[in-house]
């Protein structure tokens, strides 16, 4: 939680969020989860600690708007009590009572290459890229919810302002095409989705 609070840390890259009242924050979390917890390689995050951190960030004006995309089993349990007046929206892969699922098994490596919900939102994003202003957070939620049949995608928090913001508010490199964006590596979501359909 130190990373989100902007507090110095000695783990990982040691980078922390240095945001203020005019900043828009997008958090994409992908890992394991359980009722009221999100998993990390050597620890877990409890809903009470996340709630305290989000309240701290709101009180201390660490963001203007914040959008969370969370791929984890029981991910809805981390946000199902999120107030609507904190300028935070959370889109989760599952509700508070179920698992989310992996898709696209690479038989040569014997490993899943992605999670169903994440593949769906990334595929939808790639479909409209680079014009991320053509779809709102709420529109993407509805599209991805319909595409995700393995779990019940959910959305929590601010369902008025952020819900109606274009995706470009939170994602993308304005003015770059996918071919020019050298920050992307590895598998293309479209090819993963095509493999998933086969």
N, C-alpha and C. Protein backbone atom coordinates (compact mmCIF):
# COMPACT_ATOMS: atom_id res chain seq x y z
N UNK A 1 0.81 -1.19 0.00
CA UNK A 1 0.00 0.00 0.00
C UNK A 1 0.86 1.26 0.00
N UNK A 2 2.13 1.09 0.35
CA UNK A 2 3.04 2.23 0.34
C UNK A 2 3.16 2.82 -1.06
N UNK A 3 3.14 1.96 -2.08
CA UNK A 3 3.25 2.44 -3.46
C UNK A 3 2.11 3.40 -3.77
N UNK A 4 0.88 3.03 -3.41
CA UNK A 4 -0.28 3.89 -3.67
C UNK A 4 -0.26 5.15 -2.83
N UNK A 5 0.20 5.04 -1.60
CA UNK A 5 0.25 6.20 -0.71
C UNK A 5 1.39 7.17 -1.07
N UNK A 6 2.32 6.70 -1.91
CA UNK A 6 3.46 7.54 -2.28
C UNK A 6 4.56 7.53 -1.24
N UNK A 7 4.57 6.49 -0.39
CA UNK A 7 5.57 6.38 0.67
C UNK A 7 6.76 5.56 0.19
N UNK A 8 7.94 5.95 0.63
CA UNK A 8 9.18 5.27 0.25
C UNK A 8 9.10 3.79 0.60
N UNK A 9 9.61 2.96 -0.33
CA UNK A 9 9.65 1.52 -0.10
C UNK A 9 10.97 0.96 -0.60
N UNK A 10 11.39 -0.14 -0.01
CA UNK A 10 12.66 -0.76 -0.40
C UNK A 10 12.45 -2.08 -1.13
N UNK A 11 11.27 -2.29 -1.68
CA UNK A 11 10.99 -3.54 -2.40
C UNK A 11 10.73 -3.25 -3.87
N UNK A 12 10.91 -4.27 -4.69
CA UNK A 12 10.64 -4.13 -6.12
C UNK A 12 11.46 -3.04 -6.77
N UNK A 13 10.83 -2.26 -7.62
CA UNK A 13 11.52 -1.18 -8.33
C UNK A 13 11.74 0.04 -7.43
N UNK A 14 11.14 0.03 -6.28
CA UNK A 14 11.16 1.13 -5.31
C UNK A 14 10.43 2.37 -5.82
N UNK A 15 9.73 2.25 -6.94
CA UNK A 15 8.94 3.37 -7.46
C UNK A 15 7.61 3.44 -6.73
N UNK A 16 7.16 4.65 -6.46
CA UNK A 16 5.88 4.86 -5.80
C UNK A 16 5.07 5.90 -6.58
N UNK A 17 3.79 5.94 -6.32
CA UNK A 17 2.90 6.87 -6.99
C UNK A 17 3.06 8.26 -6.38
N UNK A 18 3.49 9.20 -7.18
CA UNK A 18 3.65 10.59 -6.73
C UNK A 18 2.55 11.43 -7.38
N UNK A 19 1.32 11.17 -6.99
CA UNK A 19 0.18 11.84 -7.62
C UNK A 19 -0.39 12.90 -6.71
N UNK A 20 -1.20 13.76 -7.32
CA UNK A 20 -1.82 14.85 -6.60
C UNK A 20 -3.26 15.06 -7.04
N UNK A 21 -3.86 16.17 -6.63
CA UNK A 21 -5.29 16.39 -6.84
C UNK A 21 -5.74 16.53 -8.29
N UNK A 22 -4.82 16.70 -9.22
CA UNK A 22 -5.18 16.83 -10.64
C UNK A 22 -4.85 15.59 -11.45
N UNK A 23 -4.40 14.53 -10.79
CA UNK A 23 -3.95 13.33 -11.50
C UNK A 23 -5.04 12.28 -11.61
N UNK A 24 -5.03 11.58 -12.74
CA UNK A 24 -5.92 10.47 -13.00
C UNK A 24 -5.08 9.20 -12.85
N UNK A 25 -5.57 8.25 -12.06
CA UNK A 25 -4.81 7.04 -11.74
C UNK A 25 -5.56 5.81 -12.28
N UNK A 26 -4.82 4.96 -12.99
CA UNK A 26 -5.36 3.68 -13.46
C UNK A 26 -4.54 2.56 -12.82
N UNK A 27 -5.21 1.64 -12.13
CA UNK A 27 -4.54 0.50 -11.50
C UNK A 27 -5.09 -0.78 -12.14
N UNK A 28 -4.20 -1.60 -12.69
CA UNK A 28 -4.59 -2.91 -13.21
C UNK A 28 -3.90 -3.96 -12.36
N UNK A 29 -4.68 -4.70 -11.58
CA UNK A 29 -4.14 -5.74 -10.70
C UNK A 29 -4.56 -7.11 -11.22
N UNK A 30 -3.56 -8.00 -11.39
CA UNK A 30 -3.84 -9.35 -11.87
C UNK A 30 -3.06 -10.33 -10.99
N UNK A 31 -3.77 -11.14 -10.24
CA UNK A 31 -3.15 -12.16 -9.41
C UNK A 31 -4.25 -13.03 -8.81
N UNK A 32 -3.95 -13.70 -7.74
CA UNK A 32 -4.93 -14.55 -7.09
C UNK A 32 -5.71 -13.76 -6.05
N UNK A 33 -6.88 -14.29 -5.68
CA UNK A 33 -7.69 -13.65 -4.65
C UNK A 33 -8.56 -14.65 -3.94
N UNK A 34 -9.14 -14.19 -2.86
CA UNK A 34 -10.09 -14.97 -2.08
C UNK A 34 -11.06 -13.99 -1.46
N UNK A 35 -12.03 -14.45 -0.70
CA UNK A 35 -12.97 -13.52 -0.08
C UNK A 35 -12.25 -12.48 0.80
N UNK A 36 -12.28 -11.23 0.36
CA UNK A 36 -11.68 -10.14 1.13
C UNK A 36 -10.17 -10.04 1.07
N UNK A 37 -9.53 -10.75 0.12
CA UNK A 37 -8.07 -10.66 -0.01
C UNK A 37 -7.64 -10.69 -1.48
N UNK A 38 -6.51 -10.05 -1.75
CA UNK A 38 -5.83 -10.16 -3.03
C UNK A 38 -4.44 -10.71 -2.74
N UNK A 39 -3.97 -11.63 -3.58
CA UNK A 39 -2.69 -12.28 -3.34
C UNK A 39 -1.53 -11.61 -4.03
N UNK A 40 -0.40 -11.63 -3.35
CA UNK A 40 0.89 -11.21 -3.90
C UNK A 40 1.83 -12.42 -3.77
N UNK A 41 2.96 -12.41 -4.44
CA UNK A 41 3.83 -13.59 -4.37
C UNK A 41 4.21 -14.02 -2.95
N UNK A 42 4.41 -13.08 -2.05
CA UNK A 42 4.84 -13.46 -0.69
C UNK A 42 3.94 -12.91 0.41
N UNK A 43 2.81 -12.31 0.03
CA UNK A 43 1.91 -11.76 1.05
C UNK A 43 0.51 -11.63 0.47
N UNK A 44 -0.39 -11.05 1.23
CA UNK A 44 -1.74 -10.81 0.74
C UNK A 44 -2.23 -9.45 1.23
N UNK A 45 -3.13 -8.89 0.48
CA UNK A 45 -3.74 -7.60 0.80
C UNK A 45 -5.17 -7.85 1.26
N UNK A 46 -5.50 -7.36 2.44
CA UNK A 46 -6.84 -7.53 2.99
C UNK A 46 -7.71 -6.32 2.64
N UNK A 47 -9.00 -6.54 2.50
CA UNK A 47 -9.93 -5.49 2.10
C UNK A 47 -9.85 -4.29 3.05
N UNK A 48 -9.68 -4.52 4.35
CA UNK A 48 -9.61 -3.40 5.31
C UNK A 48 -8.41 -2.51 5.02
N UNK A 49 -7.26 -3.12 4.66
CA UNK A 49 -6.07 -2.33 4.36
C UNK A 49 -6.22 -1.56 3.05
N UNK A 50 -6.84 -2.19 2.05
CA UNK A 50 -7.10 -1.47 0.80
C UNK A 50 -8.06 -0.31 1.03
N UNK A 51 -9.12 -0.56 1.79
CA UNK A 51 -10.11 0.48 2.09
C UNK A 51 -9.45 1.65 2.81
N UNK A 52 -8.60 1.36 3.79
CA UNK A 52 -7.88 2.42 4.52
C UNK A 52 -7.00 3.23 3.59
N UNK A 53 -6.31 2.55 2.68
CA UNK A 53 -5.42 3.24 1.75
C UNK A 53 -6.20 4.12 0.79
N UNK A 54 -7.31 3.61 0.27
CA UNK A 54 -8.13 4.42 -0.64
C UNK A 54 -8.71 5.63 0.08
N UNK A 55 -9.12 5.45 1.33
CA UNK A 55 -9.63 6.57 2.12
C UNK A 55 -8.53 7.60 2.37
N UNK A 56 -7.32 7.13 2.69
CA UNK A 56 -6.17 8.02 2.88
C UNK A 56 -5.90 8.82 1.61
N UNK A 57 -5.89 8.14 0.47
CA UNK A 57 -5.61 8.82 -0.80
C UNK A 57 -6.68 9.85 -1.11
N UNK A 58 -7.94 9.52 -0.83
CA UNK A 58 -9.03 10.45 -1.07
C UNK A 58 -8.92 11.67 -0.16
N UNK A 59 -8.72 11.43 1.12
CA UNK A 59 -8.62 12.51 2.11
C UNK A 59 -7.44 13.44 1.81
N UNK A 60 -6.32 12.85 1.37
CA UNK A 60 -5.10 13.62 1.11
C UNK A 60 -4.96 14.07 -0.34
N UNK A 61 -6.05 13.98 -1.09
CA UNK A 61 -6.09 14.48 -2.47
C UNK A 61 -4.93 13.94 -3.33
N UNK A 62 -4.80 12.61 -3.32
CA UNK A 62 -3.75 11.94 -4.08
C UNK A 62 -4.18 11.61 -5.51
N UNK A 63 -5.38 12.01 -5.89
CA UNK A 63 -5.88 11.75 -7.24
C UNK A 63 -7.10 12.62 -7.50
N UNK A 64 -7.39 12.80 -8.79
CA UNK A 64 -8.64 13.44 -9.21
C UNK A 64 -9.69 12.36 -9.45
N UNK A 65 -9.28 11.33 -10.20
CA UNK A 65 -10.13 10.16 -10.47
C UNK A 65 -9.24 8.93 -10.45
N UNK A 66 -9.83 7.80 -10.03
CA UNK A 66 -9.07 6.55 -10.00
C UNK A 66 -9.93 5.42 -10.56
N UNK A 67 -9.34 4.66 -11.49
CA UNK A 67 -10.02 3.51 -12.08
C UNK A 67 -9.20 2.27 -11.80
N UNK A 68 -9.85 1.25 -11.24
CA UNK A 68 -9.22 -0.04 -10.96
C UNK A 68 -9.80 -1.08 -11.90
N UNK A 69 -8.93 -1.92 -12.49
CA UNK A 69 -9.32 -3.14 -13.20
C UNK A 69 -8.67 -4.28 -12.42
N UNK A 70 -9.47 -5.19 -11.88
CA UNK A 70 -8.93 -6.23 -10.99
C UNK A 70 -9.33 -7.61 -11.48
N UNK A 71 -8.32 -8.38 -11.86
CA UNK A 71 -8.49 -9.77 -12.29
C UNK A 71 -8.02 -10.66 -11.15
N UNK A 72 -8.96 -11.23 -10.41
CA UNK A 72 -8.66 -12.16 -9.32
C UNK A 72 -9.95 -12.85 -8.92
N UNK A 73 -9.83 -14.04 -8.41
CA UNK A 73 -11.00 -14.71 -7.85
C UNK A 73 -11.54 -13.86 -6.70
N UNK A 74 -12.84 -13.79 -6.58
CA UNK A 74 -13.52 -13.04 -5.52
C UNK A 74 -13.16 -11.55 -5.51
N UNK A 75 -12.72 -11.02 -6.65
CA UNK A 75 -12.26 -9.63 -6.71
C UNK A 75 -13.33 -8.63 -6.31
N UNK A 76 -14.59 -8.96 -6.54
CA UNK A 76 -15.67 -8.06 -6.14
C UNK A 76 -15.71 -7.81 -4.64
N UNK A 77 -15.21 -8.76 -3.85
CA UNK A 77 -15.24 -8.60 -2.39
C UNK A 77 -14.32 -7.49 -1.90
N UNK A 78 -13.41 -7.02 -2.75
CA UNK A 78 -12.51 -5.94 -2.37
C UNK A 78 -13.18 -4.57 -2.53
N UNK A 79 -14.27 -4.51 -3.30
CA UNK A 79 -14.86 -3.21 -3.65
C UNK A 79 -16.37 -3.14 -3.44
N UNK A 80 -17.01 -4.21 -2.99
CA UNK A 80 -18.48 -4.19 -2.96
C UNK A 80 -19.06 -3.21 -1.93
N UNK A 81 -18.21 -2.65 -1.09
CA UNK A 81 -18.66 -1.60 -0.15
C UNK A 81 -18.00 -0.25 -0.44
N UNK A 82 -17.42 -0.12 -1.63
CA UNK A 82 -16.76 1.12 -2.04
C UNK A 82 -17.79 2.24 -2.18
N UNK A 83 -17.63 3.34 -1.44
CA UNK A 83 -18.58 4.45 -1.56
C UNK A 83 -18.56 5.06 -2.96
N UNK A 84 -19.67 5.63 -3.36
CA UNK A 84 -19.78 6.22 -4.70
C UNK A 84 -19.25 7.65 -4.75
N UNK A 85 -18.87 8.21 -3.60
CA UNK A 85 -18.47 9.63 -3.57
C UNK A 85 -16.96 9.83 -3.42
N UNK A 86 -16.14 8.82 -3.75
CA UNK A 86 -14.69 8.96 -3.61
C UNK A 86 -13.97 9.14 -4.95
N UNK A 87 -14.72 9.28 -6.04
CA UNK A 87 -14.13 9.41 -7.38
C UNK A 87 -13.27 8.20 -7.74
N UNK A 88 -13.75 7.02 -7.34
CA UNK A 88 -13.09 5.76 -7.66
C UNK A 88 -14.12 4.82 -8.29
N UNK A 89 -13.73 4.17 -9.38
CA UNK A 89 -14.54 3.12 -9.98
C UNK A 89 -13.67 1.87 -10.07
N UNK A 90 -14.26 0.73 -9.72
CA UNK A 90 -13.54 -0.54 -9.80
C UNK A 90 -14.33 -1.52 -10.66
N UNK A 91 -13.67 -2.03 -11.69
CA UNK A 91 -14.24 -3.04 -12.60
C UNK A 91 -13.53 -4.35 -12.26
N UNK A 92 -14.29 -5.35 -11.84
CA UNK A 92 -13.68 -6.60 -11.39
C UNK A 92 -14.08 -7.78 -12.26
N UNK A 93 -13.22 -8.78 -12.29
CA UNK A 93 -13.43 -9.97 -13.11
C UNK A 93 -14.51 -10.88 -12.56
N UNK A 94 -14.77 -10.78 -11.27
CA UNK A 94 -15.73 -11.67 -10.61
C UNK A 94 -16.47 -10.91 -9.52
N UNK A 95 -17.59 -11.46 -9.11
CA UNK A 95 -18.29 -10.85 -7.98
C UNK A 95 -17.62 -11.27 -6.68
N UNK A 96 -18.23 -11.04 -5.56
CA UNK A 96 -17.59 -11.31 -4.27
C UNK A 96 -17.69 -12.76 -3.83
N UNK A 97 -18.33 -13.60 -4.65
CA UNK A 97 -18.59 -14.98 -4.21
C UNK A 97 -18.11 -16.05 -5.19
N UNK A 98 -17.24 -15.67 -6.14
CA UNK A 98 -16.87 -16.66 -7.16
C UNK A 98 -15.45 -16.46 -7.66
N UNK A 99 -14.99 -17.49 -8.35
CA UNK A 99 -13.67 -17.46 -8.99
C UNK A 99 -13.75 -16.74 -10.33
N UNK A 100 -12.60 -16.30 -10.81
CA UNK A 100 -12.45 -15.92 -12.21
C UNK A 100 -11.55 -16.98 -12.82
N UNK A 101 -11.47 -17.03 -14.17
CA UNK A 101 -10.83 -18.18 -14.79
C UNK A 101 -9.79 -17.81 -15.84
N UNK A 102 -8.81 -18.69 -15.98
CA UNK A 102 -7.78 -18.56 -17.00
C UNK A 102 -8.28 -19.13 -18.32
N UNK A 103 -7.74 -18.61 -19.42
CA UNK A 103 -8.11 -19.07 -20.76
C UNK A 103 -6.85 -19.16 -21.61
N UNK A 104 -6.98 -19.78 -22.74
CA UNK A 104 -5.95 -19.91 -23.76
C UNK A 104 -4.76 -20.72 -23.24
N UNK A 105 -4.91 -22.02 -23.25
CA UNK A 105 -3.85 -22.92 -22.84
C UNK A 105 -2.85 -23.09 -23.97
N UNK A 106 -1.59 -22.78 -23.69
CA UNK A 106 -0.52 -23.07 -24.64
C UNK A 106 -0.08 -24.51 -24.34
N UNK A 107 -0.43 -25.42 -25.24
CA UNK A 107 -0.18 -26.84 -24.99
C UNK A 107 1.31 -27.18 -25.01
N UNK A 108 2.11 -26.43 -25.78
CA UNK A 108 3.56 -26.68 -25.80
C UNK A 108 4.19 -26.33 -24.45
N UNK A 109 3.76 -25.21 -23.89
CA UNK A 109 4.31 -24.77 -22.60
C UNK A 109 3.53 -25.32 -21.41
N UNK A 110 2.32 -25.83 -21.70
CA UNK A 110 1.42 -26.32 -20.66
C UNK A 110 1.14 -25.22 -19.61
N UNK A 111 0.81 -24.04 -20.13
CA UNK A 111 0.52 -22.90 -19.25
C UNK A 111 -0.58 -22.06 -19.89
N UNK A 112 -1.42 -21.50 -19.06
CA UNK A 112 -2.44 -20.58 -19.56
C UNK A 112 -1.80 -19.23 -19.83
N UNK A 113 -2.18 -18.62 -20.94
CA UNK A 113 -1.56 -17.37 -21.37
C UNK A 113 -2.32 -16.13 -20.93
N UNK A 114 -3.48 -16.30 -20.37
CA UNK A 114 -4.24 -15.13 -19.93
C UNK A 114 -5.47 -15.54 -19.16
N UNK A 115 -6.09 -14.54 -18.57
CA UNK A 115 -7.35 -14.74 -17.86
C UNK A 115 -8.49 -14.24 -18.74
N UNK A 116 -9.61 -14.93 -18.69
CA UNK A 116 -10.73 -14.65 -19.60
C UNK A 116 -11.16 -13.19 -19.57
N UNK A 117 -11.45 -12.66 -18.39
CA UNK A 117 -11.92 -11.28 -18.27
C UNK A 117 -10.87 -10.29 -18.77
N UNK A 118 -9.61 -10.51 -18.37
CA UNK A 118 -8.54 -9.59 -18.82
C UNK A 118 -8.37 -9.64 -20.33
N UNK A 119 -8.39 -10.84 -20.91
CA UNK A 119 -8.31 -10.94 -22.35
C UNK A 119 -9.45 -10.19 -23.03
N UNK A 120 -10.63 -10.26 -22.42
CA UNK A 120 -11.79 -9.59 -23.01
C UNK A 120 -11.64 -8.08 -22.99
N UNK A 121 -11.21 -7.50 -21.85
CA UNK A 121 -11.10 -6.04 -21.84
C UNK A 121 -9.93 -5.56 -22.69
N UNK A 122 -8.84 -6.33 -22.72
CA UNK A 122 -7.72 -5.91 -23.56
C UNK A 122 -8.05 -6.05 -25.04
N UNK A 123 -8.78 -7.11 -25.40
CA UNK A 123 -9.19 -7.29 -26.78
C UNK A 123 -10.13 -6.16 -27.21
N UNK A 124 -11.07 -5.81 -26.35
CA UNK A 124 -11.97 -4.71 -26.67
C UNK A 124 -11.20 -3.39 -26.81
N UNK A 125 -10.23 -3.18 -25.95
CA UNK A 125 -9.42 -1.96 -26.01
C UNK A 125 -8.62 -1.92 -27.31
N UNK A 126 -8.02 -3.04 -27.67
CA UNK A 126 -7.26 -3.08 -28.93
C UNK A 126 -8.15 -2.86 -30.15
N UNK A 127 -9.39 -3.30 -30.06
CA UNK A 127 -10.32 -3.16 -31.18
C UNK A 127 -10.57 -1.67 -31.50
N UNK A 128 -10.62 -0.82 -30.49
CA UNK A 128 -10.90 0.60 -30.72
C UNK A 128 -9.64 1.46 -30.74
N UNK A 129 -8.49 0.88 -30.38
CA UNK A 129 -7.22 1.63 -30.34
C UNK A 129 -6.84 2.09 -31.74
N UNK A 130 -6.34 3.31 -31.95
CA UNK A 130 -5.92 4.26 -30.95
C UNK A 130 -7.01 5.23 -30.49
N UNK A 131 -8.24 5.10 -30.98
CA UNK A 131 -9.29 6.04 -30.61
C UNK A 131 -9.99 5.60 -29.31
N UNK A 132 -9.26 5.67 -28.21
CA UNK A 132 -9.83 5.26 -26.93
C UNK A 132 -10.88 6.23 -26.40
N UNK A 133 -11.05 7.35 -27.10
CA UNK A 133 -12.11 8.29 -26.71
C UNK A 133 -13.47 7.84 -27.26
N UNK A 134 -13.48 6.81 -28.08
CA UNK A 134 -14.73 6.37 -28.71
C UNK A 134 -15.57 5.45 -27.82
N UNK A 135 -15.04 5.08 -26.66
CA UNK A 135 -15.77 4.19 -25.76
C UNK A 135 -15.58 4.67 -24.32
N UNK A 136 -16.64 4.65 -23.54
CA UNK A 136 -16.55 5.06 -22.14
C UNK A 136 -16.22 3.87 -21.25
N UNK A 137 -15.85 4.17 -20.02
CA UNK A 137 -15.62 3.13 -19.01
C UNK A 137 -16.87 2.26 -18.88
N UNK A 138 -18.03 2.89 -18.82
CA UNK A 138 -19.28 2.16 -18.68
C UNK A 138 -19.59 1.30 -19.89
N UNK A 139 -19.33 1.82 -21.08
CA UNK A 139 -19.56 1.01 -22.29
C UNK A 139 -18.65 -0.20 -22.31
N UNK A 140 -17.38 -0.01 -21.94
CA UNK A 140 -16.47 -1.16 -21.92
C UNK A 140 -16.92 -2.17 -20.87
N UNK A 141 -17.37 -1.69 -19.72
CA UNK A 141 -17.87 -2.61 -18.70
C UNK A 141 -18.99 -3.49 -19.27
N UNK A 142 -19.95 -2.88 -19.94
CA UNK A 142 -21.08 -3.64 -20.49
C UNK A 142 -20.63 -4.64 -21.55
N UNK A 143 -19.70 -4.23 -22.43
CA UNK A 143 -19.19 -5.11 -23.47
C UNK A 143 -18.46 -6.30 -22.86
N UNK A 144 -17.57 -6.01 -21.91
CA UNK A 144 -16.75 -7.06 -21.31
C UNK A 144 -17.59 -7.98 -20.43
N UNK A 145 -18.56 -7.42 -19.75
CA UNK A 145 -19.46 -8.25 -18.93
C UNK A 145 -20.18 -9.28 -19.81
N UNK A 146 -20.63 -8.83 -20.97
CA UNK A 146 -21.32 -9.74 -21.89
C UNK A 146 -20.37 -10.80 -22.46
N UNK A 147 -19.13 -10.41 -22.74
CA UNK A 147 -18.14 -11.32 -23.30
C UNK A 147 -17.66 -12.36 -22.28
N UNK A 148 -17.68 -12.00 -21.01
CA UNK A 148 -17.12 -12.85 -19.96
C UNK A 148 -18.21 -13.78 -19.43
N UNK A 149 -18.13 -15.03 -19.82
CA UNK A 149 -19.17 -15.99 -19.45
C UNK A 149 -18.74 -16.92 -18.32
N UNK A 150 -17.47 -16.91 -17.97
CA UNK A 150 -16.96 -17.81 -16.95
C UNK A 150 -17.19 -17.28 -15.54
N UNK A 151 -17.35 -15.97 -15.40
CA UNK A 151 -17.58 -15.33 -14.10
C UNK A 151 -18.48 -14.12 -14.34
N UNK A 152 -18.91 -13.49 -13.27
CA UNK A 152 -19.78 -12.32 -13.36
C UNK A 152 -18.98 -11.05 -13.14
N UNK A 153 -18.58 -10.41 -14.25
CA UNK A 153 -17.86 -9.14 -14.15
C UNK A 153 -18.74 -8.12 -13.43
N UNK A 154 -18.12 -7.30 -12.60
CA UNK A 154 -18.87 -6.34 -11.79
C UNK A 154 -18.21 -4.96 -11.87
N UNK A 155 -18.96 -3.94 -11.45
CA UNK A 155 -18.42 -2.58 -11.37
C UNK A 155 -18.96 -1.94 -10.10
N UNK A 156 -18.07 -1.18 -9.42
CA UNK A 156 -18.40 -0.61 -8.12
C UNK A 156 -17.93 0.84 -8.04
N UNK A 157 -18.45 1.55 -7.05
CA UNK A 157 -17.99 2.91 -6.77
C UNK A 157 -18.75 3.96 -7.54
N UNK A 158 -18.00 4.89 -8.14
CA UNK A 158 -18.58 6.02 -8.87
C UNK A 158 -19.15 5.52 -10.20
N UNK A 159 -20.47 5.46 -10.28
CA UNK A 159 -21.12 5.00 -11.51
C UNK A 159 -21.80 6.16 -12.24
N UNK A 160 -21.34 7.38 -11.97
CA UNK A 160 -21.91 8.52 -12.68
C UNK A 160 -20.82 9.25 -13.48
N UNK A 161 -19.80 9.78 -12.82
CA UNK A 161 -18.79 10.56 -13.53
C UNK A 161 -17.79 9.67 -14.25
N UNK A 162 -17.04 8.85 -13.50
CA UNK A 162 -16.01 8.01 -14.12
C UNK A 162 -16.64 7.02 -15.09
N UNK A 163 -17.78 6.49 -14.76
CA UNK A 163 -18.50 5.54 -15.61
C UNK A 163 -18.71 6.11 -17.01
N UNK A 164 -18.88 7.43 -17.10
CA UNK A 164 -19.13 8.08 -18.39
C UNK A 164 -17.90 8.72 -19.01
N UNK A 165 -16.74 8.55 -18.39
CA UNK A 165 -15.49 9.08 -18.94
C UNK A 165 -15.03 8.19 -20.10
N UNK A 166 -14.42 8.78 -21.13
CA UNK A 166 -13.84 7.95 -22.19
C UNK A 166 -12.65 7.17 -21.65
N UNK A 167 -12.40 6.00 -22.22
CA UNK A 167 -11.25 5.20 -21.78
C UNK A 167 -9.95 5.97 -21.91
N UNK A 168 -9.88 6.89 -22.88
CA UNK A 168 -8.66 7.68 -23.09
C UNK A 168 -8.29 8.51 -21.88
N UNK A 169 -9.21 8.74 -20.97
CA UNK A 169 -8.89 9.45 -19.73
C UNK A 169 -7.91 8.64 -18.89
N UNK A 170 -7.97 7.31 -19.00
CA UNK A 170 -7.19 6.43 -18.14
C UNK A 170 -6.13 5.60 -18.85
N UNK A 171 -6.28 5.39 -20.16
CA UNK A 171 -5.38 4.47 -20.88
C UNK A 171 -4.89 5.08 -22.17
N UNK A 172 -3.76 4.55 -22.63
CA UNK A 172 -3.30 4.86 -23.97
C UNK A 172 -2.21 5.90 -24.05
N UNK A 173 -1.66 5.98 -25.23
CA UNK A 173 -0.64 6.96 -25.56
C UNK A 173 -1.22 7.82 -26.67
N UNK A 174 -1.73 8.99 -26.34
CA UNK A 174 -2.38 9.81 -27.37
C UNK A 174 -1.48 10.02 -28.59
N UNK A 175 -2.08 9.78 -29.75
CA UNK A 175 -1.37 10.03 -31.00
C UNK A 175 -0.54 8.87 -31.52
N UNK A 176 -0.41 7.78 -30.76
CA UNK A 176 0.38 6.64 -31.22
C UNK A 176 -0.52 5.53 -31.72
N UNK A 177 -0.10 4.91 -32.81
CA UNK A 177 -0.81 3.71 -33.27
C UNK A 177 -0.21 2.50 -32.55
N UNK A 178 -0.87 1.37 -32.64
CA UNK A 178 -0.38 0.17 -31.97
C UNK A 178 1.02 -0.21 -32.50
N UNK A 179 1.26 0.00 -33.78
CA UNK A 179 2.55 -0.33 -34.36
C UNK A 179 3.65 0.58 -33.83
N UNK A 180 3.30 1.85 -33.53
CA UNK A 180 4.29 2.79 -33.03
C UNK A 180 4.54 2.65 -31.53
N UNK A 181 3.62 2.03 -30.83
CA UNK A 181 3.72 1.90 -29.38
C UNK A 181 4.66 0.75 -29.06
N UNK A 182 5.89 1.07 -28.71
CA UNK A 182 6.90 0.04 -28.45
C UNK A 182 6.86 -0.46 -27.01
N UNK A 183 5.91 0.04 -26.20
CA UNK A 183 5.83 -0.42 -24.81
C UNK A 183 5.16 -1.78 -24.71
N UNK A 184 4.45 -2.22 -25.75
CA UNK A 184 3.77 -3.51 -25.72
C UNK A 184 4.75 -4.61 -26.12
N UNK A 185 4.71 -5.74 -25.38
CA UNK A 185 5.59 -6.87 -25.69
C UNK A 185 4.76 -8.14 -25.70
N UNK A 186 5.29 -9.14 -26.35
CA UNK A 186 4.70 -10.47 -26.24
C UNK A 186 3.47 -10.66 -27.11
N UNK A 187 2.50 -11.41 -26.59
CA UNK A 187 1.32 -11.79 -27.34
C UNK A 187 0.39 -10.61 -27.59
N UNK A 188 -0.18 -10.58 -28.77
CA UNK A 188 -1.22 -9.64 -29.12
C UNK A 188 -2.55 -10.21 -28.63
N UNK A 189 -3.37 -9.39 -27.99
CA UNK A 189 -4.64 -9.90 -27.45
C UNK A 189 -5.53 -10.49 -28.52
N UNK A 190 -5.50 -9.94 -29.73
CA UNK A 190 -6.33 -10.50 -30.80
C UNK A 190 -5.91 -11.94 -31.11
N UNK A 191 -4.60 -12.19 -31.16
CA UNK A 191 -4.16 -13.55 -31.45
C UNK A 191 -4.50 -14.49 -30.30
N UNK A 192 -4.45 -14.00 -29.07
CA UNK A 192 -4.86 -14.83 -27.93
C UNK A 192 -6.34 -15.15 -28.02
N UNK A 193 -7.14 -14.14 -28.35
CA UNK A 193 -8.58 -14.37 -28.45
C UNK A 193 -8.90 -15.35 -29.57
N UNK A 194 -8.19 -15.23 -30.69
CA UNK A 194 -8.40 -16.16 -31.79
C UNK A 194 -8.06 -17.58 -31.36
N UNK A 195 -6.98 -17.73 -30.59
CA UNK A 195 -6.59 -19.06 -30.11
C UNK A 195 -7.63 -19.58 -29.13
N UNK A 196 -8.23 -18.69 -28.34
CA UNK A 196 -9.22 -19.06 -27.36
C UNK A 196 -10.48 -19.61 -28.04
N UNK A 197 -10.86 -18.97 -29.16
CA UNK A 197 -12.07 -19.36 -29.87
C UNK A 197 -11.91 -20.74 -30.54
N UNK A 198 -10.69 -21.08 -30.95
CA UNK A 198 -10.45 -22.34 -31.69
C UNK A 198 -10.75 -23.57 -30.88
